[in-house]
């Protein structure tokens, strides 16, 4: 920079942590945000939350812009940041690097990508909360087929949540979760499938969904008589596009739909219409704000617990040690 910047650095104002939210209506990330705030409040009441009302939006560009604004506004008052999903965390990482704050601020993200894993090695990230997207895609499809075969399924299936840190990132389990396999673009389609199952992600560009796709296809390959029809909006947050895709699969009469709703309320109508046409839905990844009778099962990470893992990690880092310059 050019000499001393006075931006956002007033000595009488408290230092603390920033929660960078994702997008209103996304149930999974709202749960992470609430879990994070609760873990800090319960375990580290001395840690201030200096900003928790800002949303990064659904793209890398909007995340960089929003994170940059916050870094300018609060400056050296920021001791820690939690970004609640991969596009959001990736944008925050770029903003921290651009502002030359990357090693000074404790930074925890949610969902990995290659750049974030590298950042953890470089001391620019201090934790990444991990889901198991392969298991999620796998169990969503398996649960649907179990239901179609007339067997009982659990209403809520948790796929687990984990915290990778610079200390544990080279263990076998963390290596698998930090770099889960991704669908490569070829699927064995059975000649005469017994079941055709539509799997609808929130978006098709983020790496997370490629791993969900891998797991869904893995389940189909194991079962042998299932065809996966994978289709989603290009980017997350495209609610009307996702509604149209869901309606169109229901109209075509697939045997079942596995849906990761971009919005917990807006997708309820499409799921209801599908059910009325005799097409059942498994909800995965992010919740649907509806009577559970409307869907077969909800398969996902416990996102509240995932958020709590992030809160505890930042709280421990802030109360036990000081960031190295």
Foldseek 3Di string as FASTA:
>chain_A
DPPDDPFQDDPVDAAAEEEAAADPQFFLRVLLLLLLVVLCVVPPVVGDHPYYPHHQYFALVSLLVRLLVVCRRNPPSYAEYEYEADSNLNSNLVNCVVVVNQQQHEYEYEAADPVVVVSLVVNRYFKYKFFQLLVQLQVQQVLLVCVVVVHADDQEAAREMDMDGSVCCPDPVNVCRNDPDFADPDADAAPAAPFEEEEEEQADPDRSVRSSVNNNRVNCVVVVRYHYHYDYHHTGPPQVRRLVVLQVCLVVPGQEYEEAHSGQESNLVSLQVSVVSVYAYEYEATHHPDDSVSHRHYYYHSSSVSSSVVNVSSSCPVPPHGGDD
